[in-house]
Amino acid sequence: MFIGAADTAPRDVEGGAVTVNSRIPGFKDSSVEQRRSVVSERTGVAVAELDVLEPAQGLDTEHADHMIENVIGVLGIPVGIATNFRINGRDYLVPMATEEPSVVAAASNAARMARERGGFFTSGTGPVMQAQIQLLDLPDPETARLRILEQRSTVVDLANEQDPTLVRFGGGATDLQVRLVPTRTGTHVVTHLVVDVRDAMGANAVNTMAEAIAPRLAAIAGGRPLLRILTNMADRRIVRARAVFDRDLLGGEQVVDDIVHASALAEADPYRAATHNKGIMNGITAAVLASGNDTRAVEAGCHSHAVGPDGRYTALSHFEKTADGHLSGTLEVPMAVGLVGGATKAHPVARAAIKILGVESATELAEVVVAVGLAQNLGACRALAAEGIQRGHMSLHARTVAVTAGARAAELDAVVAQLIQDRNIRVEHAESVLADLRNRS
C-alpha cells in the first residue's frame, strides 16, 4: 500500500524554503503519478513543473538539435528518485538517471541504514579547476619555467580579463604553476592555470582563459604553445563523504566483517578495484546525468584519482568497523559539477532535477553526488557480502525481462514471481510463462 502521502509532517517551511523529509515509506509501491505528487509535496516543486519527465514533454528533437550535431532523435533514460538521504543534517530527494536495475533501490536502502546514525557528512576543497598550457621547442626549459613564474601576476590578470562576470561573483584565476614534464619527444614545459569557477563546471571558463594566455606564455618562455585545455584530473576539487551504517540493519556482525574484507581486497587488487569503483560510479553517474552535468568528465576525474602515489589503481572508498561494531564508510573523489551553463540549463529534465534537489551551489550538488556514490557502493558491497549480487538484482532484473517478453502491467507481478521461483530469468522463459498465464485466463 502507498503510504508516503500520509506520512507525518512531510515538509516544513522555514523562511519560505522547503525543508524536505526524504523518508517516504511505500514510495516504491506507488504509481508514477503518486510518486510525482509526493515529490511535489515534499520539495515544493509544482506538479506541472514535473511534466517534463513525460517523454512527450521533455527533451524534444528541436531542442536536441541545438545541443549537439547531426541530431536524428533522443534516447530516453529512466529517472528515479532516491529516498532517505540525509546529508549534513538536511534531507534530499535525489533524481538519478540510469538504465540499470537495483541502482536507485540500493542507494535508497543504504541511505536508510546511514540515516539511523546521522546520515552522511561531507566536506570539500572548493570549486577549483585547472587549465594546462603545453609549451614546446624550448632550449632552456628550467630557465623558461622561472621566467613564467616571474610574470605570474601579469598572466593571472590577463586570464581574469577574459571572464569579468566570474571575477565579479568571487571566482577567477588565482594562481599559476609550472611543471617540467619529461616525454619521449623531450622535456615539455606545462603551465597550470588555477581557477575558482564558482557554480560552473568550469570547462568553458578555463579553456577560454588558457587560449588567451597561451601566446603570452610562449613569448615569455621563448617557445611554441600547443595544447591549451583544462585537465579533468580535478585534484583541487575534492569532495569527501562519510557515514556509519547500522550493524543490525546491515544484517549483523558477520556482514560488517565481510564488507570490510571485501573493501580490503578492493584496496589491494586492481582487478577487484575496477568493479568496486564501478559500483560507486553507478550512483555518481546516475546523479550527475540527471542534473545535466558531464558524466565523462566526472568519470575521468574519479578514475584518475583512483591511481595512488605508487601508480597502482585502487579503491576510491574504504570501509572499516567502528569501536561499537557498526560499519564506517568513506569516499573521497574529484567532483567537477556545476549549476550554470551546458545541459544543466538547456535540458528541461535537468532543470527539474535541480529543482527537486533544491541545491543552491555547485559545491552542495557535488556533496550530494558523492554521498550517493558512497551509498550505492555500500549497497553493492552488502549484496555481495550478504547474499551475492545476483540475488540482490533478481527481482528488478526479472521485471525488465518480463517487460521485454511482452508482459502487460496486469500480468507483470505474476510473471516476475514465476521467474524468480523458477530461478530462470531469461526472455525465452518469460515468454513461455506469459503464454501459460494467458492460456489459463
Protein backbone atom coordinates (compact mmCIF):
# COMPACT_ATOMS: atom_id res chain seq x y z
CA MET A 1 0.00 0.00 0.00
CA PHE A 2 1.23 3.50 -0.82
CA ILE A 3 1.65 5.45 2.40
CA GLY A 4 4.13 8.19 1.54
CA ALA A 5 1.48 10.90 1.11
CA ALA A 6 0.06 10.17 4.55
CA ASP A 7 3.41 10.05 6.30
CA THR A 8 3.51 12.59 9.13
CA ALA A 9 4.97 16.06 8.62
CA PRO A 10 6.22 15.57 5.05
CA ARG A 11 7.79 19.01 4.95
CA ASP A 12 8.32 22.15 6.94
CA VAL A 13 8.67 25.65 5.63
CA GLU A 14 11.29 27.90 7.16
CA GLY A 15 11.59 31.42 5.83
CA GLY A 16 9.90 30.38 2.57
CA ALA A 17 12.31 27.49 1.93
CA VAL A 18 11.08 23.92 1.89
CA THR A 19 12.70 21.52 4.34
CA VAL A 20 12.42 18.09 2.75
CA ASN A 21 11.66 14.85 4.56
CA SER A 22 13.28 12.18 2.35
CA ARG A 23 11.94 9.24 4.34
CA ILE A 24 8.94 8.03 2.29
CA PRO A 25 7.66 4.58 3.30
CA GLY A 26 5.81 2.83 0.48
CA PHE A 27 7.25 5.03 -2.25
CA LYS A 28 8.38 2.12 -4.42
CA ASP A 29 4.91 0.54 -4.33
CA SER A 30 3.10 3.61 -5.63
CA SER A 31 2.26 4.62 -9.19
CA VAL A 32 4.33 7.07 -11.21
CA GLU A 33 1.65 9.73 -10.76
CA GLN A 34 1.57 9.20 -7.00
CA ARG A 35 5.35 9.45 -6.78
CA ARG A 36 5.33 12.74 -8.65
CA SER A 37 2.64 14.04 -6.33
CA VAL A 38 4.71 13.17 -3.28
CA VAL A 39 7.89 14.64 -4.77
CA SER A 40 5.93 17.83 -5.41
CA GLU A 41 4.57 17.85 -1.86
CA ARG A 42 7.93 17.16 -0.27
CA THR A 43 10.01 19.61 -2.32
CA GLY A 44 7.59 22.41 -3.13
CA VAL A 45 8.12 21.91 -6.88
CA ALA A 46 4.76 22.21 -8.64
CA VAL A 47 3.41 19.01 -10.21
CA ALA A 48 3.14 20.89 -13.52
CA GLU A 49 6.89 21.52 -13.43
CA LEU A 50 7.43 17.75 -13.28
CA ASP A 51 5.51 17.22 -16.51
CA VAL A 52 8.84 17.47 -18.38
CA LEU A 53 9.55 13.97 -17.02
CA GLU A 54 6.97 12.70 -19.51
CA PRO A 55 8.87 11.65 -22.67
CA ALA A 56 6.47 13.63 -24.86
CA GLN A 57 7.10 16.83 -22.86
CA GLY A 58 10.80 16.57 -22.02
CA LEU A 59 13.66 16.99 -24.46
CA ASP A 60 12.22 17.17 -27.97
CA THR A 61 14.17 16.91 -31.20
CA GLU A 62 14.02 20.66 -31.82
CA HIS A 63 15.83 21.40 -28.55
CA ALA A 64 18.16 18.44 -29.04
CA ASP A 65 19.13 19.79 -32.46
CA HIS A 66 20.53 22.88 -30.75
CA MET A 67 22.55 20.85 -28.22
CA ILE A 68 24.67 18.58 -30.44
CA GLU A 69 25.37 17.98 -34.13
CA ASN A 70 23.60 15.77 -36.69
CA VAL A 71 20.61 15.09 -34.43
CA ILE A 72 18.17 12.36 -35.50
CA GLY A 73 16.32 11.89 -32.20
CA VAL A 74 16.68 11.49 -28.45
CA LEU A 75 17.35 8.49 -26.18
CA GLY A 76 15.21 8.10 -23.09
CA ILE A 77 16.76 7.00 -19.79
CA PRO A 78 14.63 6.17 -16.73
CA VAL A 79 14.76 8.82 -13.99
CA GLY A 80 14.10 7.58 -10.46
CA ILE A 81 14.13 9.23 -7.04
CA ALA A 82 16.50 8.00 -4.36
CA THR A 83 14.92 8.48 -0.94
CA ASN A 84 16.14 8.54 2.68
CA PHE A 85 19.17 10.76 2.09
CA ARG A 86 20.20 12.99 4.98
CA ILE A 87 23.38 14.95 4.23
CA ASN A 88 24.93 17.36 6.73
CA GLY A 89 21.64 17.39 8.63
CA ARG A 90 19.45 18.17 5.62
CA ASP A 91 17.19 15.77 3.73
CA TYR A 92 17.29 15.41 -0.06
CA LEU A 93 15.25 13.60 -2.67
CA VAL A 94 17.83 12.71 -5.31
CA PRO A 95 16.95 12.27 -9.01
CA MET A 96 19.02 9.51 -10.63
CA ALA A 97 19.10 8.71 -14.36
CA THR A 98 20.12 5.13 -15.11
CA GLU A 99 19.08 2.10 -17.12
CA GLU A 100 20.49 -0.41 -14.61
CA PRO A 101 18.04 -2.17 -12.26
CA SER A 102 18.65 -2.01 -8.48
CA VAL A 103 20.82 1.14 -8.51
CA VAL A 104 18.15 3.53 -7.18
CA ALA A 105 16.80 0.94 -4.75
CA ALA A 106 20.25 0.09 -3.39
CA ALA A 107 21.19 3.74 -2.87
CA SER A 108 17.89 4.43 -1.10
CA ASN A 109 18.28 1.39 1.14
CA ALA A 110 21.86 2.28 2.06
CA ALA A 111 20.78 5.85 2.84
CA ARG A 112 18.12 4.44 5.18
CA MET A 113 20.81 2.49 7.05
CA ALA A 114 23.04 5.55 7.31
CA ARG A 115 20.10 7.68 8.43
CA GLU A 116 19.88 5.72 11.69
CA ARG A 117 23.28 7.11 12.68
CA GLY A 118 23.03 10.68 11.45
CA GLY A 119 23.22 10.23 7.69
CA PHE A 120 26.09 11.42 5.52
CA PHE A 121 28.64 14.08 6.36
CA THR A 122 30.61 15.83 3.63
CA SER A 123 33.43 18.31 3.12
CA GLY A 124 35.44 19.58 0.17
CA THR A 125 38.20 21.78 -1.15
CA GLY A 126 36.07 24.18 -3.21
CA PRO A 127 35.21 24.58 -6.92
CA VAL A 128 38.75 24.89 -8.29
CA MET A 129 39.73 23.70 -11.78
CA GLN A 130 42.99 23.86 -13.73
CA ALA A 131 43.90 24.53 -17.35
CA GLN A 132 47.12 23.23 -18.90
CA ILE A 133 49.18 25.11 -21.48
CA GLN A 134 51.85 22.98 -23.16
CA LEU A 135 54.98 24.76 -24.45
CA LEU A 136 57.44 23.17 -26.91
CA ASP A 137 60.76 23.98 -28.63
CA LEU A 138 62.41 25.43 -25.52
CA PRO A 139 66.19 25.20 -25.40
CA ASP A 140 66.27 26.10 -21.70
CA PRO A 141 63.16 24.60 -20.01
CA GLU A 142 64.41 25.13 -16.45
CA THR A 143 65.05 28.80 -17.05
CA ALA A 144 61.82 29.17 -19.02
CA ARG A 145 59.89 27.86 -16.01
CA LEU A 146 61.32 30.62 -13.82
CA ARG A 147 60.68 33.31 -16.43
CA ILE A 148 57.00 32.34 -16.47
CA LEU A 149 56.75 32.37 -12.67
CA GLU A 150 58.29 35.84 -12.60
CA GLN A 151 55.33 37.04 -14.69
CA ARG A 152 52.72 35.20 -12.59
CA SER A 153 50.67 38.29 -11.65
CA THR A 154 50.59 39.60 -15.20
CA VAL A 155 49.44 36.27 -16.61
CA VAL A 156 46.78 35.79 -13.93
CA ASP A 157 45.45 39.30 -14.61
CA LEU A 158 45.28 38.55 -18.33
CA ALA A 159 43.33 35.37 -17.62
CA ASN A 160 40.84 37.23 -15.44
CA GLU A 161 40.22 39.81 -18.16
CA GLN A 162 38.56 37.00 -20.15
CA ASP A 163 35.74 36.45 -17.64
CA PRO A 164 34.85 39.57 -15.64
CA THR A 165 31.50 38.01 -14.65
CA LEU A 166 33.23 35.11 -12.93
CA VAL A 167 35.52 37.54 -11.13
CA ARG A 168 32.53 39.64 -10.06
CA PHE A 169 31.00 36.57 -8.41
CA GLY A 170 34.17 35.95 -6.40
CA GLY A 171 35.89 33.49 -8.72
CA GLY A 172 38.57 33.70 -11.37
CA ALA A 173 42.20 32.74 -11.85
CA THR A 174 44.10 32.63 -8.56
CA ASP A 175 47.47 31.04 -9.25
CA LEU A 176 49.97 29.84 -11.82
CA GLN A 177 52.17 26.76 -11.52
CA VAL A 178 54.76 25.47 -13.97
CA ARG A 179 55.91 21.85 -14.36
CA LEU A 180 58.66 20.25 -16.42
CA VAL A 181 57.35 17.01 -17.92
CA PRO A 182 59.90 14.61 -19.47
CA THR A 183 58.39 12.86 -22.51
CA ARG A 184 59.65 10.66 -25.36
CA THR A 185 59.83 13.84 -27.53
CA GLY A 186 61.76 15.86 -24.98
CA THR A 187 61.03 17.99 -21.93
CA HIS A 188 57.78 19.94 -22.17
CA VAL A 189 57.03 22.99 -20.07
CA VAL A 190 53.45 22.72 -18.82
CA THR A 191 51.81 25.69 -17.12
CA HIS A 192 48.81 25.12 -14.86
CA LEU A 193 46.35 27.98 -14.50
CA VAL A 194 44.36 27.55 -11.27
CA VAL A 195 40.81 28.93 -11.47
CA ASP A 196 37.98 29.21 -8.94
CA VAL A 197 34.97 28.51 -11.17
CA ARG A 198 32.26 29.15 -8.53
CA ASP A 199 28.97 27.45 -9.57
CA ALA A 200 30.12 26.37 -13.04
CA MET A 201 31.60 23.05 -14.01
CA GLY A 202 34.31 25.27 -15.40
CA ALA A 203 35.42 23.81 -18.72
CA ASN A 204 34.41 26.79 -20.85
CA ALA A 205 35.84 29.34 -18.44
CA VAL A 206 39.25 27.73 -18.01
CA ASN A 207 39.56 26.84 -21.70
CA THR A 208 38.87 30.45 -22.71
CA MET A 209 41.50 31.66 -20.24
CA ALA A 210 44.01 29.07 -21.46
CA GLU A 211 43.56 30.19 -25.07
CA ALA A 212 44.10 33.82 -24.09
CA ILE A 213 47.28 33.37 -22.06
CA ALA A 214 48.98 30.78 -24.31
CA PRO A 215 50.62 33.35 -26.67
CA ARG A 216 51.84 35.41 -23.70
CA LEU A 217 53.34 32.33 -22.03
CA ALA A 218 55.05 31.32 -25.28
CA ALA A 219 56.53 34.79 -25.65
CA ILE A 220 57.79 34.80 -22.05
CA ALA A 221 59.27 31.31 -22.29
CA GLY A 222 60.62 31.60 -25.83
CA GLY A 223 58.77 28.55 -27.15
CA ARG A 224 55.70 27.42 -29.05
CA PRO A 225 52.29 26.71 -27.47
CA LEU A 226 50.45 23.51 -28.38
CA LEU A 227 47.72 22.14 -26.09
CA ARG A 228 45.74 24.65 -24.06
CA ILE A 229 42.83 22.99 -22.31
CA LEU A 230 41.51 22.04 -18.88
CA THR A 231 42.55 18.86 -17.12
CA ASN A 232 39.80 16.53 -15.92
CA MET A 233 42.15 15.32 -13.19
CA ALA A 234 40.38 17.72 -10.85
CA ASP A 235 42.53 17.07 -7.79
CA ARG A 236 41.90 20.58 -6.44
CA ARG A 237 38.14 19.97 -6.43
CA ILE A 238 37.93 17.07 -3.99
CA VAL A 239 34.71 16.15 -2.17
CA ARG A 240 34.60 13.74 0.76
CA ALA A 241 31.66 11.83 2.22
CA ARG A 242 31.44 9.61 5.28
CA ALA A 243 28.66 7.69 7.01
CA VAL A 244 28.14 5.00 9.63
CA PHE A 245 25.85 2.17 8.55
CA ASP A 246 23.92 0.43 11.29
CA ARG A 247 25.16 -3.10 12.03
CA ASP A 248 21.73 -4.59 12.67
CA LEU A 249 20.19 -3.04 9.55
CA LEU A 250 23.08 -4.39 7.50
CA GLY A 251 22.41 -7.92 8.74
CA GLY A 252 24.70 -8.36 11.72
CA GLU A 253 28.34 -8.54 12.72
CA GLN A 254 29.32 -11.10 10.09
CA VAL A 255 28.06 -8.89 7.27
CA VAL A 256 30.03 -5.94 8.68
CA ASP A 257 33.20 -8.05 8.87
CA ASP A 258 32.73 -9.39 5.34
CA ILE A 259 32.20 -5.92 3.86
CA VAL A 260 35.47 -4.85 5.50
CA HIS A 261 37.20 -7.90 3.95
CA ALA A 262 35.72 -7.06 0.54
CA SER A 263 36.90 -3.46 0.90
CA ALA A 264 40.41 -4.63 1.80
CA LEU A 265 40.59 -6.72 -1.37
CA ALA A 266 39.49 -3.74 -3.49
CA GLU A 267 42.22 -1.63 -1.90
CA ALA A 268 44.90 -4.26 -2.63
CA ASP A 269 43.82 -5.68 -6.01
CA PRO A 270 43.20 -3.55 -9.12
CA TYR A 271 41.06 -6.29 -10.68
CA ARG A 272 38.61 -6.04 -7.76
CA ALA A 273 39.05 -2.27 -7.50
CA ALA A 274 37.78 -1.74 -11.06
CA THR A 275 34.43 -3.39 -10.25
CA HIS A 276 34.30 -1.88 -6.76
CA ASN A 277 34.71 1.61 -8.26
CA LYS A 278 32.17 0.82 -10.98
CA GLY A 279 29.67 0.34 -8.16
CA ILE A 280 30.50 3.80 -6.86
CA MET A 281 30.09 5.27 -10.33
CA ASN A 282 26.67 3.59 -10.70
CA GLY A 283 25.45 6.11 -8.14
CA ILE A 284 27.62 9.07 -9.08
CA THR A 285 26.99 8.86 -12.82
CA ALA A 286 23.23 8.48 -12.36
CA ALA A 287 23.05 11.59 -10.17
CA VAL A 288 25.40 13.58 -12.43
CA LEU A 289 23.45 12.63 -15.56
CA ALA A 290 20.11 13.57 -14.02
CA SER A 291 21.49 17.02 -13.16
CA GLY A 292 22.65 17.63 -16.74
CA ASN A 293 26.35 17.56 -15.90
CA ASP A 294 29.24 15.97 -17.81
CA THR A 295 29.40 12.30 -16.80
CA ARG A 296 32.56 11.63 -18.84
CA ALA A 297 34.49 14.42 -17.12
CA VAL A 298 33.43 13.21 -13.68
CA GLU A 299 34.27 9.59 -14.50
CA ALA A 300 37.70 10.57 -15.87
CA GLY A 301 38.44 12.56 -12.73
CA CYS A 302 37.35 9.78 -10.38
CA HIS A 303 39.25 7.01 -12.12
CA SER A 304 42.42 9.10 -12.37
CA HIS A 305 42.09 9.77 -8.64
CA ALA A 306 41.96 6.01 -8.05
CA VAL A 307 45.60 5.72 -9.10
CA GLY A 308 47.66 6.03 -5.93
CA PRO A 309 51.11 7.59 -5.47
CA ASP A 310 52.66 4.24 -6.38
CA GLY A 311 50.93 4.25 -9.76
CA ARG A 312 48.58 1.38 -8.82
CA TYR A 313 44.83 1.55 -9.39
CA THR A 314 42.96 1.10 -6.11
CA ALA A 315 39.59 1.52 -4.40
CA LEU A 316 38.12 5.00 -4.10
CA SER A 317 36.17 4.12 -0.96
CA HIS A 318 37.08 2.43 2.31
CA PHE A 319 35.02 0.54 4.87
CA GLU A 320 36.06 -0.02 8.48
CA LYS A 321 34.48 -1.49 11.60
CA THR A 322 33.79 1.05 14.32
CA ALA A 323 34.56 0.51 18.01
CA ASP A 324 30.92 -0.35 18.68
CA GLY A 325 30.66 -2.80 15.79
CA HIS A 326 28.96 -0.70 13.10
CA LEU A 327 30.32 -0.07 9.61
CA SER A 328 32.04 3.21 8.75
CA GLY A 329 32.33 4.12 5.06
CA THR A 330 34.34 6.92 3.45
CA LEU A 331 34.68 8.17 -0.11
CA GLU A 332 36.94 10.91 -1.47
CA VAL A 333 36.81 11.87 -5.17
CA PRO A 334 37.14 14.86 -7.51
CA MET A 335 33.69 16.20 -8.36
CA ALA A 336 33.54 18.76 -11.17
CA VAL A 337 29.84 19.58 -11.46
CA GLY A 338 28.05 22.88 -11.93
CA LEU A 339 24.69 24.61 -11.81
CA VAL A 340 25.23 27.12 -14.63
CA GLY A 341 25.84 26.54 -18.30
CA GLY A 342 25.61 23.49 -20.51
CA ALA A 343 22.81 20.94 -20.32
CA THR A 344 22.10 21.93 -16.71
CA LYS A 345 20.20 24.89 -18.12
CA ALA A 346 19.41 23.66 -21.64
CA HIS A 347 17.81 20.33 -20.75
CA PRO A 348 14.28 20.61 -19.27
CA VAL A 349 14.59 17.40 -17.25
CA ALA A 350 17.93 18.53 -15.79
CA ARG A 351 16.29 21.80 -14.70
CA ALA A 352 13.51 19.85 -13.00
CA ALA A 353 16.05 17.57 -11.28
CA ILE A 354 17.92 20.55 -9.87
CA LYS A 355 14.65 22.00 -8.54
CA ILE A 356 13.79 18.69 -6.87
CA LEU A 357 17.21 18.59 -5.22
CA GLY A 358 16.93 22.18 -4.05
CA VAL A 359 20.70 22.69 -4.08
CA GLU A 360 21.93 26.27 -4.03
CA SER A 361 25.56 25.88 -5.16
CA ALA A 362 27.77 23.62 -7.23
CA THR A 363 29.55 22.62 -4.04
CA GLU A 364 26.30 21.46 -2.46
CA LEU A 365 25.41 19.48 -5.60
CA ALA A 366 28.86 17.84 -5.54
CA GLU A 367 28.39 16.81 -1.92
CA VAL A 368 25.03 15.19 -2.69
CA VAL A 369 26.51 13.32 -5.64
CA VAL A 370 29.40 11.91 -3.61
CA ALA A 371 27.07 10.84 -0.81
CA VAL A 372 25.02 8.95 -3.41
CA GLY A 373 28.21 7.30 -4.66
CA LEU A 374 29.07 6.08 -1.18
CA ALA A 375 25.52 4.83 -0.60
CA GLN A 376 25.47 2.94 -3.89
CA ASN A 377 28.86 1.39 -3.13
CA LEU A 378 27.67 0.21 0.28
CA GLY A 379 24.56 -1.29 -1.33
CA ALA A 380 26.65 -3.29 -3.79
CA CYS A 381 29.14 -4.43 -1.14
CA ARG A 382 26.34 -5.52 1.17
CA ALA A 383 24.68 -7.52 -1.62
CA LEU A 384 27.98 -9.25 -2.38
CA ALA A 385 28.81 -9.94 1.26
CA ALA A 386 25.33 -10.98 2.41
CA GLU A 387 23.61 -12.78 -0.45
CA GLY A 388 25.51 -12.50 -3.72
CA ILE A 389 24.87 -9.84 -6.30
CA GLN A 390 22.57 -11.95 -8.48
CA ARG A 391 20.02 -12.48 -5.74
CA GLY A 392 20.02 -8.77 -5.00
CA HIS A 393 19.43 -7.99 -8.68
CA MET A 394 16.96 -10.81 -9.24
CA SER A 395 13.61 -9.13 -8.64
CA LEU A 396 14.33 -5.94 -10.55
CA HIS A 397 16.06 -7.78 -13.39
CA ALA A 398 13.08 -10.14 -13.62
CA ARG A 399 10.75 -7.17 -14.15
CA THR A 400 12.92 -5.93 -17.02
CA VAL A 401 12.93 -9.40 -18.60
CA ALA A 402 9.15 -9.74 -18.17
CA VAL A 403 8.52 -6.41 -19.87
CA THR A 404 10.89 -7.40 -22.69
CA ALA A 405 8.88 -10.59 -23.13
CA GLY A 406 5.73 -8.51 -23.58
CA ALA A 407 4.07 -8.68 -20.15
CA ARG A 408 1.41 -6.03 -19.61
CA ALA A 409 1.01 -4.14 -16.32
CA ALA A 410 -1.69 -6.50 -15.02
CA GLU A 411 0.47 -9.53 -15.81
CA LEU A 412 3.79 -8.24 -14.56
CA ASP A 413 3.72 -9.35 -10.90
CA ALA A 414 2.66 -12.90 -11.73
CA VAL A 415 5.32 -13.33 -14.41
CA VAL A 416 8.06 -11.89 -12.19
CA ALA A 417 7.08 -14.15 -9.28
CA GLN A 418 7.22 -17.24 -11.52
CA LEU A 419 10.62 -16.29 -13.00
CA ILE A 420 12.09 -15.86 -9.53
CA GLN A 421 10.53 -19.10 -8.27
CA ASP A 422 11.95 -20.98 -11.28
CA ARG A 423 15.33 -19.23 -10.88
CA ASN A 424 15.30 -18.82 -14.63
CA ILE A 425 15.31 -15.15 -15.54
CA ARG A 426 15.60 -15.30 -19.30
CA VAL A 427 13.43 -13.75 -22.00
CA GLU A 428 12.54 -17.05 -23.64
CA HIS A 429 11.40 -18.48 -20.29
CA ALA A 430 9.42 -15.31 -19.57
CA GLU A 431 7.69 -15.69 -22.93
CA SER A 432 6.75 -19.27 -22.01
CA VAL A 433 5.45 -18.20 -18.58
CA LEU A 434 3.46 -15.39 -20.16
CA ALA A 435 1.93 -17.73 -22.73
CA ASP A 436 0.87 -20.16 -20.00
CA LEU A 437 -0.62 -17.34 -17.94
CA ARG A 438 -2.67 -16.09 -20.88
CA ASN A 439 -3.84 -19.60 -21.75
CA ARG A 440 -5.17 -20.06 -18.22
CA SER A 441 -7.02 -16.74 -18.14
